[in-house]
Amino acid sequence: MTAPSKSQVPLRLLAVHAHPDDESSKGAATMAMYASTGVDVLVATCTDGSRGDIQNPAVEGEPHPKRDMAGARRLEMQRAAAILGIRQRWLGFVDSGLPEGDPLPPLPAGSFATLPLQQAAAPLVRLVRSFKPHVILSYDENGGYPHPDHIMAHRVAVEAFEAAGDPERYPDAGDAWEPSKLYYDRAFSPERFRALHFALEEAGLQSPYAERLAAWLESDAEGHTPPPAANPTTTQVDCGDFFEMRDDALRAHRTQVDPLGFFFAVSPDMQRRVWPWEDYSLIHSRVPSELPEKDLFAGLR
């Protein structure tokens, strides 16, 4: 594939997410920054979010999410996308929910994570071939965290990246298009949480990250560093100017996000001083790339 020049069509970025709200907690500032520079940014939301629990005490008594959670989250997603300046498409699958119990109950029949891979990936392959992204963002093999829909979102993103350029695969999904780069998001990297944790402590503020860091550090006999990541950071996108926009988009998901909660423990100003990036791991590139990178489109400009 020929790398696009500035005189050609805009660069295109596709982010694959499991539920509405995931796009605002993972990579939102990156997407907003690229969108502001003319990159065409599209979020593919795999499921309707219908099995999400209300996480915001202020929403507990509202009738709409109790009556129609999927409908409430659709409106939230619309507001978040407008804040970030991006486009969004629903892939049309039903939320699998997060099973609890011992043993874990089976997932609801027909929900996203229960489907055969080809069935689950087909709408995304079709979207890749129509949107023609140069870069795809997704989760790692563990889904970022082991929610069954996140793991399936990872699987369908990898399948679409590998299959969309092969005209013999998914022959009814449109003309072949081969994306150039695949990244995994590292929004919850231990390195970032560690830096923010110590910045809060130095400022005399309470850190919400202590318990999480302690769990990570258990695997280190000396207790000094987080365990090495399976997919370490290769690419840091400087997008600190868009942290407030990211927070506003996350707050737009009112049913799922407590505006006084974990995600807002560190002010945007402190984050800009300590960790002004969003982190990614380059998994596959079909264009020459030198690591480390500062741009998801390195090698394509």
C-alpha atoms as a PDB file:
ATOM      1  CA  MET A   1       0.000   0.000   0.000  1.00  0.00           C
ATOM      2  CA  THR A   2       1.324   3.428  -0.888  1.00  0.00           C
ATOM      3  CA  ALA A   3       1.772   5.726   2.105  1.00  0.00           C
ATOM      4  CA  PRO A   4      -0.575   8.703   1.847  1.00  0.00           C
ATOM      5  CA  SER A   5       0.942  12.146   1.411  1.00  0.00           C
ATOM      6  CA  LYS A   6      -0.472  15.430   2.686  1.00  0.00           C
ATOM      7  CA  SER A   7      -2.085  16.031  -0.701  1.00  0.00           C
ATOM      8  CA  GLN A   8      -4.024  12.779  -0.531  1.00  0.00           C
ATOM      9  CA  VAL A   9      -7.084  11.858   1.525  1.00  0.00           C
ATOM     10  CA  PRO A  10      -6.826  12.334   5.322  1.00  0.00           C
ATOM     11  CA  LEU A  11      -5.280   9.668   7.471  1.00  0.00           C
ATOM     12  CA  ARG A  12      -7.838   7.406   9.122  1.00  0.00           C
ATOM     13  CA  LEU A  13      -7.858   5.862  12.586  1.00  0.00           C
ATOM     14  CA  LEU A  14     -10.235   3.122  13.755  1.00  0.00           C
ATOM     15  CA  ALA A  15     -10.546   2.299  17.466  1.00  0.00           C
ATOM     16  CA  VAL A  16     -12.343  -0.939  18.368  1.00  0.00           C
ATOM     17  CA  HIS A  17     -14.087  -0.932  21.751  1.00  0.00           C
ATOM     18  CA  ALA A  18     -16.289  -3.390  23.585  1.00  0.00           C
ATOM     19  CA  HIS A  19     -18.888  -1.071  25.149  1.00  0.00           C
ATOM     20  CA  PRO A  20     -19.970   2.551  25.048  1.00  0.00           C
ATOM     21  CA  ASP A  21     -17.711   4.392  27.573  1.00  0.00           C
ATOM     22  CA  ASP A  22     -14.598   2.298  26.780  1.00  0.00           C
ATOM     23  CA  GLU A  23     -13.596   4.775  24.078  1.00  0.00           C
ATOM     24  CA  SER A  24     -13.573   7.582  26.650  1.00  0.00           C
ATOM     25  CA  SER A  25     -11.461   5.760  29.249  1.00  0.00           C
ATOM     26  CA  LYS A  26      -8.929   4.364  26.763  1.00  0.00           C
ATOM     27  CA  GLY A  27      -7.251   6.554  24.169  1.00  0.00           C
ATOM     28  CA  ALA A  28      -9.793   9.378  24.164  1.00  0.00           C
ATOM     29  CA  ALA A  29      -7.254  12.204  24.332  1.00  0.00           C
ATOM     30  CA  THR A  30      -5.300  10.606  21.493  1.00  0.00           C
ATOM     31  CA  MET A  31      -8.387  10.411  19.320  1.00  0.00           C
ATOM     32  CA  ALA A  32      -9.417  13.982  20.116  1.00  0.00           C
ATOM     33  CA  MET A  33      -5.916  15.245  19.343  1.00  0.00           C
ATOM     34  CA  TYR A  34      -5.769  13.474  15.983  1.00  0.00           C
ATOM     35  CA  ALA A  35      -9.299  14.547  15.081  1.00  0.00           C
ATOM     36  CA  SER A  36      -8.320  18.163  15.758  1.00  0.00           C
ATOM     37  CA  THR A  37      -5.516  17.862  13.181  1.00  0.00           C
ATOM     38  CA  GLY A  38      -7.800  16.538  10.430  1.00  0.00           C
ATOM     39  CA  VAL A  39      -7.385  12.792  10.935  1.00  0.00           C
ATOM     40  CA  ASP A  40     -10.655  10.927  10.296  1.00  0.00           C
ATOM     41  CA  VAL A  41     -11.302   9.086  13.578  1.00  0.00           C
ATOM     42  CA  LEU A  42     -13.957   6.394  13.933  1.00  0.00           C
ATOM     43  CA  VAL A  43     -14.891   4.313  16.981  1.00  0.00           C
ATOM     44  CA  ALA A  44     -16.423   0.894  16.424  1.00  0.00           C
ATOM     45  CA  THR A  45     -18.501  -0.064  19.483  1.00  0.00           C
ATOM     46  CA  CYS A  46     -19.042  -3.815  19.523  1.00  0.00           C
ATOM     47  CA  THR A  47     -21.964  -4.071  21.957  1.00  0.00           C
ATOM     48  CA  ASP A  48     -24.951  -2.062  23.132  1.00  0.00           C
ATOM     49  CA  GLY A  49     -23.857  -1.936  26.776  1.00  0.00           C
ATOM     50  CA  SER A  50     -27.267  -3.197  27.838  1.00  0.00           C
ATOM     51  CA  ARG A  51     -25.965  -5.286  30.751  1.00  0.00           C
ATOM     52  CA  GLY A  52     -23.931  -2.519  32.356  1.00  0.00           C
ATOM     53  CA  ASP A  53     -24.725  -1.732  35.983  1.00  0.00           C
ATOM     54  CA  ILE A  54     -25.292   1.838  37.138  1.00  0.00           C
ATOM     55  CA  GLN A  55     -21.976   3.011  38.594  1.00  0.00           C
ATOM     56  CA  ASN A  56     -22.912   6.619  39.358  1.00  0.00           C
ATOM     57  CA  PRO A  57     -24.906   7.151  42.590  1.00  0.00           C
ATOM     58  CA  ALA A  58     -26.447  10.308  41.118  1.00  0.00           C
ATOM     59  CA  VAL A  59     -28.166   8.241  38.412  1.00  0.00           C
ATOM     60  CA  GLU A  60     -29.580   5.529  40.690  1.00  0.00           C
ATOM     61  CA  GLY A  61     -33.087   6.956  40.767  1.00  0.00           C
ATOM     62  CA  GLU A  62     -33.423   7.866  37.101  1.00  0.00           C
ATOM     63  CA  PRO A  63     -36.038   5.814  35.235  1.00  0.00           C
ATOM     64  CA  HIS A  64     -34.520   5.764  31.739  1.00  0.00           C
ATOM     65  CA  PRO A  65     -31.470   3.552  32.399  1.00  0.00           C
ATOM     66  CA  LYS A  66     -33.519   1.196  34.573  1.00  0.00           C
ATOM     67  CA  ARG A  67     -36.102   0.833  31.830  1.00  0.00           C
ATOM     68  CA  ASP A  68     -33.745   0.882  28.821  1.00  0.00           C
ATOM     69  CA  MET A  69     -30.039   0.763  29.628  1.00  0.00           C
ATOM     70  CA  ALA A  70     -29.045   0.307  25.987  1.00  0.00           C
ATOM     71  CA  GLY A  71     -31.047   3.381  24.976  1.00  0.00           C
ATOM     72  CA  ALA A  72     -29.555   5.487  27.757  1.00  0.00           C
ATOM     73  CA  ARG A  73     -26.056   4.443  26.789  1.00  0.00           C
ATOM     74  CA  ARG A  74     -26.703   5.186  23.138  1.00  0.00           C
ATOM     75  CA  LEU A  75     -27.470   8.803  24.073  1.00  0.00           C
ATOM     76  CA  GLU A  76     -24.371   8.928  26.287  1.00  0.00           C
ATOM     77  CA  MET A  77     -22.225   7.640  23.456  1.00  0.00           C
ATOM     78  CA  GLN A  78     -23.596  10.295  21.125  1.00  0.00           C
ATOM     79  CA  ARG A  79     -22.645  13.039  23.577  1.00  0.00           C
ATOM     80  CA  ALA A  80     -19.160  11.623  24.183  1.00  0.00           C
ATOM     81  CA  ALA A  81     -18.412  11.341  20.464  1.00  0.00           C
ATOM     82  CA  ALA A  82     -19.482  14.951  19.942  1.00  0.00           C
ATOM     83  CA  ILE A  83     -17.183  16.112  22.750  1.00  0.00           C
ATOM     84  CA  LEU A  84     -14.207  14.251  21.250  1.00  0.00           C
ATOM     85  CA  GLY A  85     -14.974  15.371  17.704  1.00  0.00           C
ATOM     86  CA  ILE A  86     -15.035  11.821  16.358  1.00  0.00           C
ATOM     87  CA  ARG A  87     -17.433   9.511  14.542  1.00  0.00           C
ATOM     88  CA  GLN A  88     -18.855   6.297  15.954  1.00  0.00           C
ATOM     89  CA  ARG A  89     -20.525   3.138  14.632  1.00  0.00           C
ATOM     90  CA  TRP A  90     -22.362   0.347  16.439  1.00  0.00           C
ATOM     91  CA  LEU A  91     -21.469  -3.189  15.355  1.00  0.00           C
ATOM     92  CA  GLY A  92     -24.821  -4.425  16.638  1.00  0.00           C
ATOM     93  CA  PHE A  93     -24.002  -7.078  19.238  1.00  0.00           C
ATOM     94  CA  VAL A  94     -25.580  -7.661  22.654  1.00  0.00           C
ATOM     95  CA  ASP A  95     -23.553  -6.995  25.806  1.00  0.00           C
ATOM     96  CA  SER A  96     -22.432 -10.251  27.449  1.00  0.00           C
ATOM     97  CA  GLY A  97     -22.280  -8.813  30.963  1.00  0.00           C
ATOM     98  CA  LEU A  98     -19.568  -9.564  33.509  1.00  0.00           C
ATOM     99  CA  PRO A  99     -20.280 -12.959  35.096  1.00  0.00           C
ATOM    100  CA  GLU A 100     -19.886 -13.277  38.856  1.00  0.00           C
ATOM    101  CA  GLY A 101     -19.912 -16.257  41.175  1.00  0.00           C
ATOM    102  CA  ASP A 102     -18.045 -19.491  41.792  1.00  0.00           C
ATOM    103  CA  PRO A 103     -18.433 -21.302  39.547  1.00  0.00           C
ATOM    104  CA  LEU A 104     -19.072 -18.556  37.000  1.00  0.00           C
ATOM    105  CA  PRO A 105     -22.490 -18.783  35.332  1.00  0.00           C
ATOM    106  CA  PRO A 106     -22.647 -19.225  31.559  1.00  0.00           C
ATOM    107  CA  LEU A 107     -22.812 -16.090  29.436  1.00  0.00           C
ATOM    108  CA  PRO A 108     -26.236 -15.182  28.013  1.00  0.00           C
ATOM    109  CA  ALA A 109     -26.967 -17.093  24.821  1.00  0.00           C
ATOM    110  CA  GLY A 110     -26.356 -15.048  21.703  1.00  0.00           C
ATOM    111  CA  SER A 111     -24.350 -12.356  23.470  1.00  0.00           C
ATOM    112  CA  PHE A 112     -21.189 -10.996  21.837  1.00  0.00           C
ATOM    113  CA  ALA A 113     -18.617 -13.126  23.649  1.00  0.00           C
ATOM    114  CA  THR A 114     -20.471 -16.383  22.928  1.00  0.00           C
ATOM    115  CA  LEU A 115     -20.422 -16.036  19.132  1.00  0.00           C
ATOM    116  CA  PRO A 116     -18.138 -17.850  16.692  1.00  0.00           C
ATOM    117  CA  LEU A 117     -15.232 -15.626  15.724  1.00  0.00           C
ATOM    118  CA  GLN A 118     -16.192 -15.300  12.069  1.00  0.00           C
ATOM    119  CA  GLN A 119     -19.722 -14.231  12.943  1.00  0.00           C
ATOM    120  CA  ALA A 120     -18.490 -11.715  15.489  1.00  0.00           C
ATOM    121  CA  ALA A 121     -15.774 -10.322  13.211  1.00  0.00           C
ATOM    122  CA  ALA A 122     -17.771 -10.002   9.984  1.00  0.00           C
ATOM    123  CA  PRO A 123     -19.313  -6.563  10.736  1.00  0.00           C
ATOM    124  CA  LEU A 124     -15.901  -5.200  11.701  1.00  0.00           C
ATOM    125  CA  VAL A 125     -14.265  -6.576   8.547  1.00  0.00           C
ATOM    126  CA  ARG A 126     -17.029  -4.884   6.554  1.00  0.00           C
ATOM    127  CA  LEU A 127     -16.424  -1.632   8.418  1.00  0.00           C
ATOM    128  CA  VAL A 128     -12.653  -1.803   7.886  1.00  0.00           C
ATOM    129  CA  ARG A 129     -13.162  -2.308   4.167  1.00  0.00           C
ATOM    130  CA  SER A 130     -15.559   0.617   3.883  1.00  0.00           C
ATOM    131  CA  PHE A 131     -13.792   3.068   6.220  1.00  0.00           C
ATOM    132  CA  LYS A 132     -10.274   2.040   5.087  1.00  0.00           C
ATOM    133  CA  PRO A 133      -8.318   2.869   8.256  1.00  0.00           C
ATOM    134  CA  HIS A 134      -4.555   3.167   8.127  1.00  0.00           C
ATOM    135  CA  VAL A 135      -4.285   2.410  11.865  1.00  0.00           C
ATOM    136  CA  ILE A 136      -6.388   0.166  14.121  1.00  0.00           C
ATOM    137  CA  LEU A 137      -6.389   0.452  17.924  1.00  0.00           C
ATOM    138  CA  SER A 138      -7.554  -2.404  20.125  1.00  0.00           C
ATOM    139  CA  TYR A 139      -6.989  -4.179  23.440  1.00  0.00           C
ATOM    140  CA  ASP A 140      -4.379  -6.776  24.305  1.00  0.00           C
ATOM    141  CA  GLU A 141      -5.022 -10.515  24.583  1.00  0.00           C
ATOM    142  CA  ASN A 142      -6.449 -10.028  28.058  1.00  0.00           C
ATOM    143  CA  GLY A 143      -8.884  -7.394  26.827  1.00  0.00           C
ATOM    144  CA  GLY A 144      -7.138  -4.723  28.900  1.00  0.00           C
ATOM    145  CA  TYR A 145      -8.937  -6.471  31.744  1.00  0.00           C
ATOM    146  CA  PRO A 146     -10.585  -9.898  31.506  1.00  0.00           C
ATOM    147  CA  HIS A 147     -14.160  -8.946  30.653  1.00  0.00           C
ATOM    148  CA  PRO A 148     -15.438 -11.475  28.095  1.00  0.00           C
ATOM    149  CA  ASP A 149     -16.557  -8.707  25.709  1.00  0.00           C
ATOM    150  CA  HIS A 150     -13.158  -7.038  25.898  1.00  0.00           C
ATOM    151  CA  ILE A 151     -11.420 -10.286  25.065  1.00  0.00           C
ATOM    152  CA  MET A 152     -13.764 -10.820  22.127  1.00  0.00           C
ATOM    153  CA  ALA A 153     -13.204  -7.216  20.999  1.00  0.00           C
ATOM    154  CA  HIS A 154      -9.483  -7.981  20.911  1.00  0.00           C
ATOM    155  CA  ARG A 155     -10.091 -11.125  18.905  1.00  0.00           C
ATOM    156  CA  VAL A 156     -12.313  -9.476  16.303  1.00  0.00           C
ATOM    157  CA  ALA A 157      -9.929  -6.512  15.925  1.00  0.00           C
ATOM    158  CA  VAL A 158      -6.988  -8.830  15.236  1.00  0.00           C
ATOM    159  CA  GLU A 159      -9.119 -10.917  12.883  1.00  0.00           C
ATOM    160  CA  ALA A 160     -10.217  -7.818  10.973  1.00  0.00           C
ATOM    161  CA  PHE A 161      -6.664  -6.469  10.752  1.00  0.00           C
ATOM    162  CA  GLU A 162      -5.424  -9.775   9.344  1.00  0.00           C
ATOM    163  CA  ALA A 163      -8.397 -10.625   7.113  1.00  0.00           C
ATOM    164  CA  ALA A 164      -9.639  -7.335   5.660  1.00  0.00           C
ATOM    165  CA  GLY A 165      -6.856  -7.187   3.075  1.00  0.00           C
ATOM    166  CA  ASP A 166      -7.453 -10.723   1.800  1.00  0.00           C
ATOM    167  CA  PRO A 167     -10.210 -10.814  -0.860  1.00  0.00           C
ATOM    168  CA  GLU A 168     -10.675 -14.555  -0.325  1.00  0.00           C
ATOM    169  CA  ARG A 169     -11.700 -14.064   3.307  1.00  0.00           C
ATOM    170  CA  TYR A 170     -15.118 -12.623   4.114  1.00  0.00           C
ATOM    171  CA  PRO A 171     -15.901 -12.315   0.386  1.00  0.00           C
ATOM    172  CA  ASP A 172     -19.316 -10.725   1.058  1.00  0.00           C
ATOM    173  CA  ALA A 173     -17.879  -7.914   3.201  1.00  0.00           C
ATOM    174  CA  GLY A 174     -16.770  -5.543   0.444  1.00  0.00           C
ATOM    175  CA  ASP A 175     -13.573  -4.862  -1.461  1.00  0.00           C
ATOM    176  CA  ALA A 176     -10.342  -5.744   0.333  1.00  0.00           C
ATOM    177  CA  TRP A 177      -8.445  -3.087   2.299  1.00  0.00           C
ATOM    178  CA  GLU A 178      -5.220  -3.719   4.207  1.00  0.00           C
ATOM    179  CA  PRO A 179      -4.661  -1.556   7.305  1.00  0.00           C
ATOM    180  CA  SER A 180      -1.042  -0.587   7.879  1.00  0.00           C
ATOM    181  CA  LYS A 181      -0.605  -0.684  11.666  1.00  0.00           C
ATOM    182  CA  LEU A 182      -2.175  -2.430  14.661  1.00  0.00           C
ATOM    183  CA  TYR A 183      -1.723  -1.118  18.198  1.00  0.00           C
ATOM    184  CA  TYR A 184      -2.818  -2.306  21.611  1.00  0.00           C
ATOM    185  CA  ASP A 185      -3.918   0.357  24.081  1.00  0.00           C
ATOM    186  CA  ARG A 186      -1.998   0.567  27.394  1.00  0.00           C
ATOM    187  CA  ALA A 187      -4.249   3.002  29.274  1.00  0.00           C
ATOM    188  CA  PHE A 188      -3.841   0.979  32.465  1.00  0.00           C
ATOM    189  CA  SER A 189      -0.071   0.515  32.270  1.00  0.00           C
ATOM    190  CA  PRO A 190       1.614  -0.007  35.669  1.00  0.00           C
ATOM    191  CA  GLU A 191       4.280   2.539  34.704  1.00  0.00           C
ATOM    192  CA  ARG A 192       1.688   5.293  34.352  1.00  0.00           C
ATOM    193  CA  PHE A 193      -0.143   4.401  37.556  1.00  0.00           C
ATOM    194  CA  ARG A 194       3.153   4.258  39.443  1.00  0.00           C
ATOM    195  CA  ALA A 195       4.154   7.733  38.240  1.00  0.00           C
ATOM    196  CA  LEU A 196       0.759   9.208  39.141  1.00  0.00           C
ATOM    197  CA  HIS A 197       0.756   7.444  42.515  1.00  0.00           C
ATOM    198  CA  PHE A 198       4.078   8.940  43.597  1.00  0.00           C
ATOM    199  CA  ALA A 199       3.107  12.373  42.265  1.00  0.00           C
ATOM    200  CA  LEU A 200      -0.008  12.324  44.449  1.00  0.00           C
ATOM    201  CA  GLU A 201       1.971  11.182  47.497  1.00  0.00           C
ATOM    202  CA  GLU A 202       4.596  13.901  46.967  1.00  0.00           C
ATOM    203  CA  ALA A 203       1.812  16.471  46.797  1.00  0.00           C
ATOM    204  CA  GLY A 204       0.376  15.182  50.078  1.00  0.00           C
ATOM    205  CA  LEU A 205      -2.737  13.848  48.372  1.00  0.00           C
ATOM    206  CA  GLN A 206      -4.388  10.467  48.808  1.00  0.00           C
ATOM    207  CA  SER A 207      -3.653   8.027  45.991  1.00  0.00           C
ATOM    208  CA  PRO A 208      -6.311   5.573  44.776  1.00  0.00           C
ATOM    209  CA  TYR A 209      -3.632   3.491  43.070  1.00  0.00           C
ATOM    210  CA  ALA A 210      -1.868   1.996  46.108  1.00  0.00           C
ATOM    211  CA  GLU A 211      -3.850  -1.252  46.226  1.00  0.00           C
ATOM    212  CA  ARG A 212      -3.542  -1.815  42.489  1.00  0.00           C
ATOM    213  CA  LEU A 213       0.205  -1.193  42.543  1.00  0.00           C
ATOM    214  CA  ALA A 214       0.665  -3.518  45.517  1.00  0.00           C
ATOM    215  CA  ALA A 215      -1.036  -6.329  43.606  1.00  0.00           C
ATOM    216  CA  TRP A 216       1.210  -5.751  40.589  1.00  0.00           C
ATOM    217  CA  LEU A 217       4.359  -5.608  42.730  1.00  0.00           C
ATOM    218  CA  GLU A 218       3.701  -8.959  44.389  1.00  0.00           C
ATOM    219  CA  SER A 219       5.412 -10.665  41.473  1.00  0.00           C
ATOM    220  CA  ASP A 220       8.612  -8.657  42.099  1.00  0.00           C
ATOM    221  CA  ALA A 221      10.680 -10.106  44.948  1.00  0.00           C
ATOM    222  CA  GLU A 222      12.359  -6.750  45.558  1.00  0.00           C
ATOM    223  CA  GLY A 223       9.106  -4.782  45.325  1.00  0.00           C
ATOM    224  CA  HIS A 224      10.643  -2.077  43.154  1.00  0.00           C
ATOM    225  CA  THR A 225       9.073  -2.293  39.715  1.00  0.00           C
ATOM    226  CA  PRO A 226       5.852  -3.472  38.109  1.00  0.00           C
ATOM    227  CA  PRO A 227       6.067  -6.827  36.340  1.00  0.00           C
ATOM    228  CA  PRO A 228       7.154  -6.589  32.697  1.00  0.00           C
ATOM    229  CA  ALA A 229       4.275  -6.203  30.268  1.00  0.00           C
ATOM    230  CA  ALA A 230       3.558  -8.854  27.652  1.00  0.00           C
ATOM    231  CA  ASN A 231       3.259  -5.985  25.161  1.00  0.00           C
ATOM    232  CA  PRO A 232       5.485  -3.141  26.399  1.00  0.00           C
ATOM    233  CA  THR A 233       4.948   0.466  25.418  1.00  0.00           C
ATOM    234  CA  THR A 234       6.464   1.352  22.065  1.00  0.00           C
ATOM    235  CA  THR A 235       4.555   4.536  21.316  1.00  0.00           C
ATOM    236  CA  GLN A 236       3.686   7.525  23.497  1.00  0.00           C
ATOM    237  CA  VAL A 237       1.335  10.089  21.994  1.00  0.00           C
ATOM    238  CA  ASP A 238       1.678  13.545  23.534  1.00  0.00           C
ATOM    239  CA  CYS A 239      -1.945  14.602  23.984  1.00  0.00           C
ATOM    240  CA  GLY A 240      -2.003  16.356  27.350  1.00  0.00           C
ATOM    241  CA  ASP A 241      -3.811  19.380  25.939  1.00  0.00           C
ATOM    242  CA  PHE A 242      -6.844  17.124  25.423  1.00  0.00           C
ATOM    243  CA  PHE A 243      -7.082  15.622  28.926  1.00  0.00           C
ATOM    244  CA  GLU A 244      -9.985  17.893  29.911  1.00  0.00           C
ATOM    245  CA  MET A 245     -11.827  16.853  26.754  1.00  0.00           C
ATOM    246  CA  ARG A 246     -11.191  13.204  27.638  1.00  0.00           C
ATOM    247  CA  ASP A 247     -12.600  13.749  31.141  1.00  0.00           C
ATOM    248  CA  ASP A 248     -15.673  15.526  29.771  1.00  0.00           C
ATOM    249  CA  ALA A 249     -16.317  12.652  27.354  1.00  0.00           C
ATOM    250  CA  LEU A 250     -15.991  10.151  30.183  1.00  0.00           C
ATOM    251  CA  ARG A 251     -18.415  12.118  32.351  1.00  0.00           C
ATOM    252  CA  ALA A 252     -20.893  12.022  29.463  1.00  0.00           C
ATOM    253  CA  HIS A 253     -21.296   8.302  30.211  1.00  0.00           C
ATOM    254  CA  ARG A 254     -23.318   9.164  33.292  1.00  0.00           C
ATOM    255  CA  THR A 255     -24.633   5.691  34.032  1.00  0.00           C
ATOM    256  CA  GLN A 256     -21.175   4.132  34.051  1.00  0.00           C
ATOM    257  CA  VAL A 257     -18.883   6.761  35.538  1.00  0.00           C
ATOM    258  CA  ASP A 258     -18.909   8.384  38.962  1.00  0.00           C
ATOM    259  CA  PRO A 259     -17.674  11.967  38.416  1.00  0.00           C
ATOM    260  CA  LEU A 260     -16.056  11.791  41.876  1.00  0.00           C
ATOM    261  CA  GLY A 261     -14.422   8.438  41.210  1.00  0.00           C
ATOM    262  CA  PHE A 262     -11.154   6.776  40.310  1.00  0.00           C
ATOM    263  CA  PHE A 263     -10.747   8.206  36.816  1.00  0.00           C
ATOM    264  CA  PHE A 264     -10.678  11.789  38.101  1.00  0.00           C
ATOM    265  CA  ALA A 265      -8.322  11.335  41.055  1.00  0.00           C
ATOM    266  CA  VAL A 266      -5.468  13.199  39.354  1.00  0.00           C
ATOM    267  CA  SER A 267      -6.037  16.666  37.940  1.00  0.00           C
ATOM    268  CA  PRO A 268      -5.321  17.220  34.245  1.00  0.00           C
ATOM    269  CA  ASP A 269      -2.587  19.705  35.192  1.00  0.00           C
ATOM    270  CA  MET A 270      -0.795  17.136  37.351  1.00  0.00           C
ATOM    271  CA  GLN A 271      -1.146  14.517  34.629  1.00  0.00           C
ATOM    272  CA  ARG A 272       0.375  16.907  32.097  1.00  0.00           C
ATOM    273  CA  ARG A 273       3.375  17.410  34.413  1.00  0.00           C
ATOM    274  CA  VAL A 274       3.841  13.748  35.261  1.00  0.00           C
ATOM    275  CA  TRP A 275       2.556  11.704  32.313  1.00  0.00           C
ATOM    276  CA  PRO A 276       1.380  13.844  29.368  1.00  0.00           C
ATOM    277  CA  TRP A 277       1.046  10.861  27.045  1.00  0.00           C
ATOM    278  CA  GLU A 278      -1.269   8.009  26.186  1.00  0.00           C
ATOM    279  CA  ASP A 279       0.611   4.752  25.739  1.00  0.00           C
ATOM    280  CA  TYR A 280       0.383   2.086  23.042  1.00  0.00           C
ATOM    281  CA  SER A 281       2.150  -1.053  21.955  1.00  0.00           C
ATOM    282  CA  LEU A 282       2.817  -1.472  18.231  1.00  0.00           C
ATOM    283  CA  ILE A 283       1.896  -5.083  17.455  1.00  0.00           C
ATOM    284  CA  HIS A 284       2.134  -5.176  13.678  1.00  0.00           C
ATOM    285  CA  SER A 285       3.274  -2.705  11.040  1.00  0.00           C
ATOM    286  CA  ARG A 286       3.206  -3.096   7.282  1.00  0.00           C
ATOM    287  CA  VAL A 287       5.218   0.104   6.866  1.00  0.00           C
ATOM    288  CA  PRO A 288       8.761   0.812   8.128  1.00  0.00           C
ATOM    289  CA  SER A 289       8.668   1.946  11.755  1.00  0.00           C
ATOM    290  CA  GLU A 290      11.472   2.922  14.131  1.00  0.00           C
ATOM    291  CA  LEU A 291      10.825   2.420  17.824  1.00  0.00           C
ATOM    292  CA  PRO A 292      10.114   4.174  20.090  1.00  0.00           C
ATOM    293  CA  GLU A 293       7.462   6.251  18.338  1.00  0.00           C
ATOM    294  CA  LYS A 294       5.592   9.446  19.170  1.00  0.00           C
ATOM    295  CA  ASP A 295       2.989   9.138  16.426  1.00  0.00           C
ATOM    296  CA  LEU A 296       0.580   6.317  15.570  1.00  0.00           C
ATOM    297  CA  PHE A 297       1.005   7.314  11.927  1.00  0.00           C
ATOM    298  CA  ALA A 298       4.804   7.129  11.930  1.00  0.00           C
ATOM    299  CA  GLY A 299       5.835   5.696   8.574  1.00  0.00           C
ATOM    300  CA  LEU A 300       2.597   6.792   6.942  1.00  0.00           C
ATOM    301  CA  ARG A 301       3.010  10.554   6.740  1.00  0.00           C
END
